[in-house]
């Protein structure tokens, strides 16, 4: 399953053929077909794995000592995890001809939103928190050289930020401090409760 996910993320859905998956996994095509009879079966297995990982993530959110919101925001900055690999791979499937992949992604988003809603009690605030978490993840992923670009090197910055020429990040941005964001979220929740209560 990991070989399939890695190929999807690195090269896209078309390149993730049964032959390529078998080669990446170090097994024969016949061995792969014994476990997964088709590429559709691999895709179904991967989306099922995302659902399992999402359920475990939601369980961890609910059990987190500091609460679901704290857990979600702090873990949104983690990259290079099994969850990220599977989520990105299923995202690639959703861009193609696998509607069950889109349903699995929507299911993950809905599960996180419901869990946050249970804590904050306001659907608008819950949705905003989950979207903030999405942004934190995107920032962390881009900052970790996912694009293969220099994320801080020896080249001199001439101050010319011509679009597309240099996408390197030169240091922390305002708002990168997760504790500050969590305080802001706490203030927002309190403000909304005061205005609706």
N, C-alpha and C. Protein backbone atom coordinates (compact mmCIF):
# COMPACT_ATOMS: atom_id res chain seq x y z
N UNK A 1 0.83 -1.19 0.00
CA UNK A 1 0.00 0.00 0.00
C UNK A 1 0.88 1.26 0.00
N UNK A 2 1.99 1.21 0.76
CA UNK A 2 2.88 2.36 0.82
C UNK A 2 3.49 2.65 -0.55
N UNK A 3 3.84 1.62 -1.30
CA UNK A 3 4.42 1.81 -2.63
C UNK A 3 3.41 2.51 -3.54
N UNK A 4 2.17 2.12 -3.48
CA UNK A 4 1.11 2.74 -4.29
C UNK A 4 0.96 4.21 -3.89
N UNK A 5 0.89 4.47 -2.58
CA UNK A 5 0.74 5.84 -2.09
C UNK A 5 1.92 6.70 -2.52
N UNK A 6 3.13 6.18 -2.38
CA UNK A 6 4.32 6.96 -2.75
C UNK A 6 4.32 7.30 -4.24
N UNK A 7 3.98 6.33 -5.08
CA UNK A 7 3.94 6.60 -6.52
C UNK A 7 2.88 7.64 -6.86
N UNK A 8 1.72 7.54 -6.23
CA UNK A 8 0.67 8.54 -6.49
C UNK A 8 1.16 9.94 -6.16
N UNK A 9 1.80 10.09 -5.01
CA UNK A 9 2.25 11.41 -4.57
C UNK A 9 3.39 11.92 -5.44
N UNK A 10 4.34 11.06 -5.74
CA UNK A 10 5.53 11.48 -6.47
C UNK A 10 5.30 11.67 -7.96
N UNK A 11 4.48 10.79 -8.58
CA UNK A 11 4.38 10.80 -10.03
C UNK A 11 2.97 10.92 -10.58
N UNK A 12 1.97 10.82 -9.72
CA UNK A 12 0.60 10.95 -10.17
C UNK A 12 -0.08 9.62 -10.44
N UNK A 13 -1.38 9.71 -10.65
CA UNK A 13 -2.22 8.51 -10.77
C UNK A 13 -1.87 7.68 -12.00
N UNK A 14 -1.58 8.30 -13.11
CA UNK A 14 -1.28 7.54 -14.33
C UNK A 14 0.00 6.73 -14.21
N UNK A 15 0.96 7.23 -13.47
CA UNK A 15 2.23 6.51 -13.33
C UNK A 15 2.14 5.36 -12.33
N UNK A 16 1.10 5.36 -11.51
CA UNK A 16 0.96 4.33 -10.47
C UNK A 16 0.28 3.09 -11.04
N UNK A 17 0.93 2.48 -12.03
CA UNK A 17 0.40 1.26 -12.64
C UNK A 17 0.68 0.08 -11.73
N UNK A 18 0.01 -1.03 -11.98
CA UNK A 18 0.26 -2.24 -11.20
C UNK A 18 1.73 -2.66 -11.31
N UNK A 19 2.29 -2.55 -12.50
CA UNK A 19 3.69 -2.92 -12.70
C UNK A 19 4.61 -2.03 -11.87
N UNK A 20 4.36 -0.72 -11.89
CA UNK A 20 5.20 0.23 -11.14
C UNK A 20 5.06 0.00 -9.64
N UNK A 21 3.84 -0.26 -9.18
CA UNK A 21 3.62 -0.52 -7.75
C UNK A 21 4.36 -1.78 -7.33
N UNK A 22 4.25 -2.83 -8.12
CA UNK A 22 4.93 -4.09 -7.80
C UNK A 22 6.44 -3.88 -7.73
N UNK A 23 6.97 -3.16 -8.72
CA UNK A 23 8.41 -2.90 -8.73
C UNK A 23 8.83 -2.10 -7.50
N UNK A 24 8.07 -1.05 -7.18
CA UNK A 24 8.40 -0.21 -6.01
C UNK A 24 8.32 -1.02 -4.73
N UNK A 25 7.35 -1.92 -4.66
CA UNK A 25 7.17 -2.73 -3.44
C UNK A 25 8.14 -3.90 -3.36
N UNK A 26 8.82 -4.17 -4.47
CA UNK A 26 9.76 -5.28 -4.48
C UNK A 26 9.09 -6.65 -4.51
N UNK A 27 7.94 -6.70 -5.18
CA UNK A 27 7.22 -7.97 -5.31
C UNK A 27 6.90 -8.18 -6.79
N UNK A 28 6.50 -9.39 -7.12
CA UNK A 28 6.09 -9.64 -8.50
C UNK A 28 4.70 -9.06 -8.72
N UNK A 29 4.37 -8.82 -9.98
CA UNK A 29 3.02 -8.34 -10.30
C UNK A 29 1.99 -9.38 -9.85
N UNK A 30 2.31 -10.66 -10.03
CA UNK A 30 1.40 -11.72 -9.58
C UNK A 30 1.20 -11.69 -8.07
N UNK A 31 2.26 -11.41 -7.33
CA UNK A 31 2.14 -11.29 -5.88
C UNK A 31 1.26 -10.12 -5.47
N UNK A 32 1.40 -9.02 -6.19
CA UNK A 32 0.56 -7.86 -5.93
C UNK A 32 -0.89 -8.18 -6.25
N UNK A 33 -1.11 -8.82 -7.41
CA UNK A 33 -2.47 -9.16 -7.82
C UNK A 33 -3.14 -10.16 -6.88
N UNK A 34 -2.35 -10.96 -6.18
CA UNK A 34 -2.90 -11.88 -5.20
C UNK A 34 -3.61 -11.11 -4.08
N UNK A 35 -3.01 -10.00 -3.68
CA UNK A 35 -3.58 -9.19 -2.59
C UNK A 35 -4.56 -8.14 -3.09
N UNK A 36 -4.27 -7.58 -4.25
CA UNK A 36 -5.12 -6.53 -4.83
C UNK A 36 -5.34 -6.90 -6.30
N UNK A 37 -6.54 -7.31 -6.62
CA UNK A 37 -6.84 -7.83 -7.94
C UNK A 37 -6.83 -6.82 -9.06
N UNK A 38 -6.78 -5.53 -8.73
CA UNK A 38 -6.81 -4.49 -9.75
C UNK A 38 -6.33 -3.18 -9.13
N UNK A 39 -6.13 -2.20 -10.00
CA UNK A 39 -5.78 -0.86 -9.51
C UNK A 39 -6.93 -0.28 -8.70
N UNK A 40 -8.17 -0.57 -9.10
CA UNK A 40 -9.33 -0.12 -8.33
C UNK A 40 -9.30 -0.69 -6.92
N UNK A 41 -8.88 -1.94 -6.79
CA UNK A 41 -8.79 -2.57 -5.46
C UNK A 41 -7.71 -1.88 -4.62
N UNK A 42 -6.60 -1.50 -5.25
CA UNK A 42 -5.57 -0.74 -4.54
C UNK A 42 -6.13 0.61 -4.07
N UNK A 43 -6.85 1.28 -4.96
CA UNK A 43 -7.44 2.58 -4.61
C UNK A 43 -8.44 2.43 -3.47
N UNK A 44 -9.26 1.39 -3.52
CA UNK A 44 -10.21 1.14 -2.44
C UNK A 44 -9.49 0.85 -1.12
N UNK A 45 -8.40 0.08 -1.21
CA UNK A 45 -7.62 -0.21 -0.01
C UNK A 45 -7.00 1.04 0.59
N UNK A 46 -6.52 1.92 -0.28
CA UNK A 46 -5.90 3.16 0.20
C UNK A 46 -6.93 4.09 0.83
N UNK A 47 -8.11 4.20 0.21
CA UNK A 47 -9.15 5.06 0.80
C UNK A 47 -9.65 4.47 2.12
N UNK A 48 -9.72 3.14 2.21
CA UNK A 48 -10.09 2.51 3.48
C UNK A 48 -9.04 2.79 4.55
N UNK A 49 -7.77 2.79 4.15
CA UNK A 49 -6.69 3.09 5.09
C UNK A 49 -6.79 4.54 5.57
N UNK A 50 -7.14 5.46 4.67
CA UNK A 50 -7.34 6.85 5.09
C UNK A 50 -8.46 6.93 6.12
N UNK A 51 -9.53 6.21 5.90
CA UNK A 51 -10.64 6.23 6.87
C UNK A 51 -10.17 5.70 8.23
N UNK A 52 -9.36 4.66 8.23
CA UNK A 52 -8.82 4.11 9.49
C UNK A 52 -7.92 5.14 10.18
N UNK A 53 -7.04 5.76 9.41
CA UNK A 53 -6.15 6.77 9.99
C UNK A 53 -6.93 7.97 10.52
N UNK A 54 -7.98 8.35 9.80
CA UNK A 54 -8.82 9.47 10.25
C UNK A 54 -9.52 9.11 11.55
N UNK A 55 -10.06 7.91 11.64
CA UNK A 55 -10.73 7.48 12.88
C UNK A 55 -9.76 7.49 14.05
N UNK A 56 -8.54 7.03 13.83
CA UNK A 56 -7.52 7.05 14.90
C UNK A 56 -7.16 8.48 15.27
N UNK A 57 -7.07 9.37 14.26
CA UNK A 57 -6.75 10.77 14.51
C UNK A 57 -7.85 11.44 15.33
N UNK A 58 -9.10 11.18 14.98
CA UNK A 58 -10.22 11.76 15.70
C UNK A 58 -10.26 11.23 17.14
N UNK A 59 -9.96 9.96 17.31
CA UNK A 59 -9.90 9.39 18.66
C UNK A 59 -8.81 10.07 19.48
N UNK A 60 -7.66 10.32 18.86
CA UNK A 60 -6.57 11.02 19.55
C UNK A 60 -6.98 12.46 19.86
N UNK A 61 -7.71 13.10 18.95
CA UNK A 61 -8.20 14.47 19.21
C UNK A 61 -9.08 14.49 20.44
N UNK A 62 -10.01 13.55 20.50
CA UNK A 62 -10.96 13.52 21.62
C UNK A 62 -10.28 13.19 22.94
N UNK A 63 -9.19 12.42 22.89
CA UNK A 63 -8.48 12.02 24.11
C UNK A 63 -7.37 12.98 24.51
N UNK A 64 -7.07 13.95 23.67
CA UNK A 64 -5.95 14.86 23.94
C UNK A 64 -6.20 15.64 25.22
N UNK A 65 -5.24 15.66 26.13
CA UNK A 65 -5.41 16.36 27.41
C UNK A 65 -5.74 17.85 27.24
N UNK A 66 -5.16 18.51 26.24
CA UNK A 66 -5.42 19.94 26.05
C UNK A 66 -6.63 20.20 25.17
N UNK A 67 -7.28 19.15 24.69
CA UNK A 67 -8.49 19.31 23.89
C UNK A 67 -8.27 19.08 22.41
N UNK A 68 -9.38 18.91 21.72
CA UNK A 68 -9.37 18.60 20.29
C UNK A 68 -8.79 19.73 19.46
N UNK A 69 -9.12 20.97 19.80
CA UNK A 69 -8.64 22.11 19.02
C UNK A 69 -7.12 22.20 19.14
N UNK A 70 -6.61 22.11 20.33
CA UNK A 70 -5.17 22.17 20.56
C UNK A 70 -4.46 21.07 19.76
N UNK A 71 -5.00 19.86 19.84
CA UNK A 71 -4.41 18.73 19.12
C UNK A 71 -4.42 18.99 17.61
N UNK A 72 -5.55 19.42 17.08
CA UNK A 72 -5.66 19.64 15.64
C UNK A 72 -4.68 20.70 15.17
N UNK A 73 -4.62 21.81 15.86
CA UNK A 73 -3.73 22.90 15.44
C UNK A 73 -2.27 22.48 15.54
N UNK A 74 -1.89 21.83 16.63
CA UNK A 74 -0.48 21.42 16.79
C UNK A 74 -0.08 20.35 15.78
N UNK A 75 -0.95 19.42 15.49
CA UNK A 75 -0.58 18.35 14.55
C UNK A 75 -0.70 18.79 13.10
N UNK A 76 -1.31 19.92 12.85
CA UNK A 76 -1.44 20.41 11.47
C UNK A 76 -0.11 20.86 10.89
N UNK A 77 0.88 21.06 11.74
CA UNK A 77 2.19 21.49 11.26
C UNK A 77 3.14 20.31 11.04
N UNK A 78 2.66 19.08 11.26
CA UNK A 78 3.49 17.90 11.07
C UNK A 78 3.47 17.47 9.61
N UNK A 79 4.63 17.23 9.05
CA UNK A 79 4.73 16.72 7.69
C UNK A 79 5.58 15.46 7.72
N UNK A 80 5.59 14.75 6.61
CA UNK A 80 6.36 13.51 6.48
C UNK A 80 5.87 12.42 7.43
N UNK A 81 4.56 12.34 7.59
CA UNK A 81 3.96 11.28 8.40
C UNK A 81 3.21 10.32 7.49
N UNK A 82 2.88 9.16 8.03
CA UNK A 82 2.07 8.21 7.26
C UNK A 82 0.73 8.83 6.88
N UNK A 83 0.13 9.56 7.81
CA UNK A 83 -1.16 10.19 7.53
C UNK A 83 -1.02 11.14 6.34
N UNK A 84 0.02 11.95 6.33
CA UNK A 84 0.20 12.90 5.23
C UNK A 84 0.36 12.17 3.90
N UNK A 85 1.19 11.13 3.88
CA UNK A 85 1.40 10.37 2.64
C UNK A 85 0.08 9.82 2.12
N UNK A 86 -0.69 9.19 2.99
CA UNK A 86 -1.96 8.57 2.56
C UNK A 86 -2.96 9.65 2.14
N UNK A 87 -3.04 10.74 2.90
CA UNK A 87 -3.97 11.82 2.57
C UNK A 87 -3.64 12.42 1.20
N UNK A 88 -2.35 12.70 0.96
CA UNK A 88 -1.94 13.25 -0.33
C UNK A 88 -2.20 12.27 -1.47
N UNK A 89 -1.95 10.99 -1.23
CA UNK A 89 -2.19 9.98 -2.26
C UNK A 89 -3.67 9.89 -2.60
N UNK A 90 -4.51 9.90 -1.59
CA UNK A 90 -5.96 9.85 -1.84
C UNK A 90 -6.40 11.14 -2.55
N UNK A 91 -5.76 12.26 -2.24
CA UNK A 91 -6.05 13.51 -2.95
C UNK A 91 -5.75 13.37 -4.43
N UNK A 92 -4.66 12.69 -4.75
CA UNK A 92 -4.32 12.45 -6.16
C UNK A 92 -5.38 11.58 -6.83
N UNK A 93 -5.86 10.56 -6.12
CA UNK A 93 -6.92 9.71 -6.67
C UNK A 93 -8.19 10.51 -6.91
N UNK A 94 -8.49 11.42 -5.99
CA UNK A 94 -9.72 12.22 -6.10
C UNK A 94 -9.68 13.14 -7.32
N UNK A 95 -8.48 13.49 -7.76
CA UNK A 95 -8.34 14.33 -8.96
C UNK A 95 -8.63 13.54 -10.23
N UNK A 96 -8.61 12.22 -10.12
CA UNK A 96 -8.85 11.36 -11.27
C UNK A 96 -10.24 10.79 -11.26
N UNK A 97 -10.32 9.51 -11.54
CA UNK A 97 -11.63 8.87 -11.73
C UNK A 97 -12.03 7.99 -10.54
N UNK A 98 -11.77 8.45 -9.34
CA UNK A 98 -12.08 7.67 -8.14
C UNK A 98 -12.96 8.50 -7.18
N UNK A 99 -14.27 8.51 -7.41
CA UNK A 99 -15.15 9.32 -6.56
C UNK A 99 -15.13 8.89 -5.09
N UNK A 100 -14.81 7.62 -4.81
CA UNK A 100 -14.74 7.18 -3.41
C UNK A 100 -13.59 7.86 -2.68
N UNK A 101 -12.57 8.28 -3.44
CA UNK A 101 -11.45 9.00 -2.83
C UNK A 101 -11.92 10.37 -2.35
N UNK A 102 -12.71 11.05 -3.17
CA UNK A 102 -13.25 12.36 -2.77
C UNK A 102 -14.13 12.21 -1.52
N UNK A 103 -14.90 11.14 -1.47
CA UNK A 103 -15.76 10.89 -0.31
C UNK A 103 -14.92 10.65 0.95
N UNK A 104 -13.79 9.96 0.81
CA UNK A 104 -12.92 9.71 1.97
C UNK A 104 -12.30 11.02 2.47
N UNK A 105 -11.90 11.90 1.54
CA UNK A 105 -11.35 13.20 1.95
C UNK A 105 -12.41 14.04 2.64
N UNK A 106 -13.61 14.05 2.07
CA UNK A 106 -14.71 14.80 2.69
C UNK A 106 -15.04 14.22 4.07
N UNK A 107 -14.97 12.91 4.19
CA UNK A 107 -15.22 12.26 5.47
C UNK A 107 -14.22 12.68 6.53
N UNK A 108 -12.95 12.80 6.14
CA UNK A 108 -11.92 13.25 7.09
C UNK A 108 -12.21 14.68 7.54
N UNK A 109 -12.48 15.55 6.58
CA UNK A 109 -12.78 16.96 6.93
C UNK A 109 -14.00 17.05 7.84
N UNK A 110 -15.05 16.30 7.51
CA UNK A 110 -16.26 16.32 8.32
C UNK A 110 -16.01 15.79 9.73
N UNK A 111 -15.20 14.74 9.84
CA UNK A 111 -14.90 14.17 11.16
C UNK A 111 -14.14 15.16 12.03
N UNK A 112 -13.15 15.85 11.44
CA UNK A 112 -12.42 16.86 12.20
C UNK A 112 -13.34 18.00 12.61
N UNK A 113 -14.18 18.43 11.68
CA UNK A 113 -15.08 19.55 11.98
C UNK A 113 -16.06 19.19 13.08
N UNK A 114 -16.64 17.99 13.02
CA UNK A 114 -17.58 17.56 14.07
C UNK A 114 -16.89 17.49 15.43
N UNK A 115 -15.66 17.00 15.45
CA UNK A 115 -14.93 16.88 16.71
C UNK A 115 -14.62 18.25 17.29
N UNK A 116 -14.22 19.18 16.45
CA UNK A 116 -13.97 20.55 16.91
C UNK A 116 -15.28 21.19 17.35
N UNK A 117 -16.34 20.96 16.60
CA UNK A 117 -17.65 21.52 16.96
C UNK A 117 -18.09 21.03 18.34
N UNK A 118 -17.85 19.78 18.64
CA UNK A 118 -18.21 19.26 19.96
C UNK A 118 -17.51 20.04 21.07
N UNK A 119 -16.32 20.53 20.79
CA UNK A 119 -15.58 21.30 21.81
C UNK A 119 -15.97 22.76 21.86
N UNK A 120 -16.13 23.40 20.69
CA UNK A 120 -16.36 24.85 20.69
C UNK A 120 -17.83 25.23 20.64
N UNK A 121 -18.70 24.33 20.17
CA UNK A 121 -20.13 24.58 20.19
C UNK A 121 -20.66 25.56 19.16
N UNK A 122 -19.85 25.96 18.19
CA UNK A 122 -20.27 26.93 17.18
C UNK A 122 -19.80 26.43 15.82
N UNK A 123 -20.74 26.14 14.91
CA UNK A 123 -20.34 25.58 13.61
C UNK A 123 -19.46 26.50 12.78
N UNK A 124 -19.68 27.80 12.85
CA UNK A 124 -18.86 28.73 12.08
C UNK A 124 -17.43 28.75 12.61
N UNK A 125 -17.29 28.80 13.92
CA UNK A 125 -15.96 28.80 14.53
C UNK A 125 -15.28 27.45 14.29
N UNK A 126 -16.01 26.36 14.38
CA UNK A 126 -15.43 25.04 14.14
C UNK A 126 -14.89 24.95 12.72
N UNK A 127 -15.67 25.43 11.75
CA UNK A 127 -15.21 25.41 10.36
C UNK A 127 -13.98 26.29 10.19
N UNK A 128 -13.97 27.46 10.82
CA UNK A 128 -12.81 28.36 10.72
C UNK A 128 -11.56 27.70 11.30
N UNK A 129 -11.70 26.98 12.40
CA UNK A 129 -10.55 26.31 13.02
C UNK A 129 -10.00 25.23 12.10
N UNK A 130 -10.88 24.45 11.48
CA UNK A 130 -10.42 23.40 10.58
C UNK A 130 -9.75 24.02 9.35
N UNK A 131 -10.28 25.11 8.84
CA UNK A 131 -9.66 25.78 7.70
C UNK A 131 -8.31 26.38 8.10
N UNK A 132 -8.20 26.90 9.32
CA UNK A 132 -6.92 27.39 9.83
C UNK A 132 -5.91 26.24 9.88
N UNK A 133 -6.36 25.09 10.33
CA UNK A 133 -5.49 23.91 10.38
C UNK A 133 -5.02 23.54 8.98
N UNK A 134 -5.91 23.63 7.98
CA UNK A 134 -5.52 23.36 6.59
C UNK A 134 -4.42 24.33 6.15
N UNK A 135 -4.57 25.58 6.50
CA UNK A 135 -3.55 26.58 6.14
C UNK A 135 -2.23 26.33 6.83
N UNK A 136 -2.27 25.95 8.09
CA UNK A 136 -1.04 25.62 8.81
C UNK A 136 -0.31 24.46 8.14
N UNK A 137 -1.09 23.45 7.74
CA UNK A 137 -0.49 22.31 7.05
C UNK A 137 0.15 22.76 5.74
N UNK A 138 -0.58 23.54 4.95
CA UNK A 138 -0.05 23.99 3.66
C UNK A 138 1.24 24.77 3.86
N UNK A 139 1.27 25.64 4.84
CA UNK A 139 2.48 26.42 5.12
C UNK A 139 3.63 25.51 5.52
N UNK A 140 3.36 24.55 6.40
CA UNK A 140 4.41 23.63 6.85
C UNK A 140 4.92 22.78 5.70
N UNK A 141 4.00 22.31 4.85
CA UNK A 141 4.41 21.47 3.72
C UNK A 141 5.26 22.25 2.73
N UNK A 142 4.88 23.47 2.43
CA UNK A 142 5.64 24.28 1.50
C UNK A 142 6.98 24.70 2.08
N UNK A 143 7.04 24.88 3.37
CA UNK A 143 8.27 25.29 4.03
C UNK A 143 9.26 24.16 4.16
N UNK A 144 8.84 22.92 3.90
CA UNK A 144 9.72 21.78 4.12
C UNK A 144 10.32 21.25 2.82
N UNK A 145 10.50 22.12 1.85
CA UNK A 145 11.16 21.78 0.60
C UNK A 145 10.40 20.73 -0.20
N UNK A 146 9.09 20.66 -0.04
CA UNK A 146 8.29 19.73 -0.81
C UNK A 146 8.40 20.03 -2.31
N UNK A 147 8.55 21.29 -2.65
CA UNK A 147 8.63 21.67 -4.05
C UNK A 147 10.03 21.50 -4.62
N UNK A 148 10.98 21.07 -3.80
CA UNK A 148 12.34 20.88 -4.27
C UNK A 148 13.07 22.19 -4.47
N UNK A 149 12.58 23.24 -3.88
CA UNK A 149 13.23 24.54 -4.01
C UNK A 149 14.08 24.81 -2.78
N UNK A 150 14.99 25.70 -2.92
CA UNK A 150 15.87 26.07 -1.82
C UNK A 150 15.05 26.75 -0.73
N UNK A 151 15.15 26.23 0.48
CA UNK A 151 14.41 26.82 1.59
C UNK A 151 15.32 27.62 2.50
N UNK A 152 16.35 28.13 1.97
CA UNK A 152 17.26 28.97 2.74
C UNK A 152 18.67 28.56 2.41
N UNK A 153 19.32 29.32 1.61
CA UNK A 153 20.63 28.87 1.19
C UNK A 153 21.64 29.97 1.21
N UNK A 154 22.65 29.75 0.37
CA UNK A 154 23.78 30.65 0.37
C UNK A 154 23.60 31.83 -0.58
N UNK A 155 22.58 31.77 -1.42
CA UNK A 155 22.41 32.85 -2.37
C UNK A 155 21.98 34.12 -1.67
N UNK A 156 22.50 35.22 -2.18
CA UNK A 156 22.20 36.51 -1.59
C UNK A 156 20.82 36.97 -2.02
N UNK A 157 20.07 37.59 -1.10
CA UNK A 157 18.75 38.12 -1.41
C UNK A 157 18.93 39.54 -1.92
N UNK A 158 18.57 39.77 -3.18
CA UNK A 158 18.73 41.10 -3.73
C UNK A 158 17.50 41.97 -3.52
N UNK A 159 16.49 41.42 -2.84
CA UNK A 159 15.28 42.18 -2.55
C UNK A 159 14.29 42.20 -3.69
N UNK A 160 14.66 41.68 -4.84
CA UNK A 160 13.78 41.64 -6.00
C UNK A 160 12.92 40.38 -5.93
N UNK A 161 11.68 40.52 -5.56
CA UNK A 161 10.78 39.38 -5.41
C UNK A 161 9.94 39.18 -6.66
N UNK A 162 10.58 39.05 -7.79
CA UNK A 162 9.88 38.83 -9.04
C UNK A 162 9.10 37.53 -8.93
N UNK A 163 7.83 37.60 -9.28
CA UNK A 163 6.94 36.44 -9.14
C UNK A 163 7.51 35.21 -9.82
N UNK A 164 7.54 34.10 -9.07
CA UNK A 164 7.92 32.82 -9.63
C UNK A 164 9.42 32.56 -9.67
N UNK A 165 10.25 33.58 -9.47
CA UNK A 165 11.68 33.36 -9.57
C UNK A 165 12.27 32.73 -8.31
N UNK A 166 11.77 33.10 -7.16
CA UNK A 166 12.35 32.59 -5.92
C UNK A 166 11.23 32.40 -4.90
N UNK A 167 10.90 31.15 -4.66
CA UNK A 167 9.84 30.87 -3.70
C UNK A 167 10.39 30.40 -2.36
N UNK A 168 11.67 30.65 -2.11
CA UNK A 168 12.28 30.22 -0.85
C UNK A 168 11.70 31.03 0.31
N UNK A 169 11.48 30.36 1.41
CA UNK A 169 11.03 31.03 2.62
C UNK A 169 12.25 31.37 3.45
N UNK A 170 12.33 32.59 3.94
CA UNK A 170 13.53 33.04 4.61
C UNK A 170 13.44 33.04 6.11
N UNK A 171 12.42 32.50 6.66
CA UNK A 171 12.33 32.46 8.11
C UNK A 171 10.89 32.42 8.55
N UNK A 172 10.69 32.41 9.83
CA UNK A 172 9.32 32.35 10.34
C UNK A 172 8.52 33.56 9.89
N UNK A 173 7.26 33.33 9.69
CA UNK A 173 6.35 34.40 9.32
C UNK A 173 5.52 34.78 10.55
N UNK A 174 5.00 35.99 10.56
CA UNK A 174 4.12 36.36 11.68
C UNK A 174 2.96 35.38 11.77
N UNK A 175 2.64 34.95 12.97
CA UNK A 175 1.55 34.00 13.17
C UNK A 175 2.01 32.57 13.22
N UNK A 176 3.31 32.32 13.01
CA UNK A 176 3.80 30.95 13.01
C UNK A 176 3.77 30.33 14.40
N UNK A 177 3.73 31.12 15.43
CA UNK A 177 3.73 30.60 16.79
C UNK A 177 2.37 29.98 17.09
N UNK A 178 2.34 28.67 17.23
CA UNK A 178 1.09 27.95 17.43
C UNK A 178 0.41 28.36 18.73
N UNK A 179 1.19 28.63 19.76
CA UNK A 179 0.58 29.06 21.02
C UNK A 179 -0.18 30.37 20.86
N UNK A 180 0.38 31.30 20.08
CA UNK A 180 -0.33 32.55 19.80
C UNK A 180 -1.64 32.28 19.05
N UNK A 181 -1.59 31.38 18.09
CA UNK A 181 -2.81 31.04 17.34
C UNK A 181 -3.86 30.40 18.25
N UNK A 182 -3.42 29.53 19.14
CA UNK A 182 -4.36 28.89 20.06
C UNK A 182 -4.99 29.91 21.01
N UNK A 183 -4.21 30.89 21.44
CA UNK A 183 -4.78 31.96 22.28
C UNK A 183 -5.82 32.75 21.49
N UNK A 184 -5.50 33.05 20.23
CA UNK A 184 -6.44 33.77 19.38
C UNK A 184 -7.73 32.97 19.18
N UNK A 185 -7.60 31.68 18.97
CA UNK A 185 -8.78 30.82 18.83
C UNK A 185 -9.60 30.86 20.12
N UNK A 186 -8.93 30.78 21.25
CA UNK A 186 -9.64 30.85 22.53
C UNK A 186 -10.42 32.15 22.68
N UNK A 187 -9.81 33.25 22.26
CA UNK A 187 -10.48 34.55 22.32
C UNK A 187 -11.69 34.58 21.38
N UNK A 188 -11.52 34.01 20.20
CA UNK A 188 -12.62 33.95 19.23
C UNK A 188 -13.79 33.13 19.76
N UNK A 189 -13.49 31.98 20.34
CA UNK A 189 -14.54 31.12 20.91
C UNK A 189 -15.27 31.88 22.02
N UNK A 190 -14.52 32.53 22.89
CA UNK A 190 -15.13 33.28 24.00
C UNK A 190 -15.99 34.43 23.47
N UNK A 191 -15.49 35.14 22.47
CA UNK A 191 -16.24 36.25 21.88
C UNK A 191 -17.54 35.77 21.26
N UNK A 192 -17.49 34.66 20.52
CA UNK A 192 -18.70 34.14 19.90
C UNK A 192 -19.70 33.66 20.94
N UNK A 193 -19.20 33.03 22.00
CA UNK A 193 -20.10 32.57 23.07
C UNK A 193 -20.77 33.75 23.75
N UNK A 194 -20.02 34.83 23.97
CA UNK A 194 -20.57 36.02 24.62
C UNK A 194 -21.60 36.71 23.73
N UNK A 195 -21.37 36.70 22.42
CA UNK A 195 -22.30 37.40 21.53
C UNK A 195 -23.55 36.58 21.23
N UNK A 196 -23.48 35.26 21.39
CA UNK A 196 -24.67 34.44 21.11
C UNK A 196 -25.34 33.96 22.38
N UNK A 197 -24.71 34.16 23.51
CA UNK A 197 -25.25 33.62 24.76
C UNK A 197 -25.99 34.61 25.52
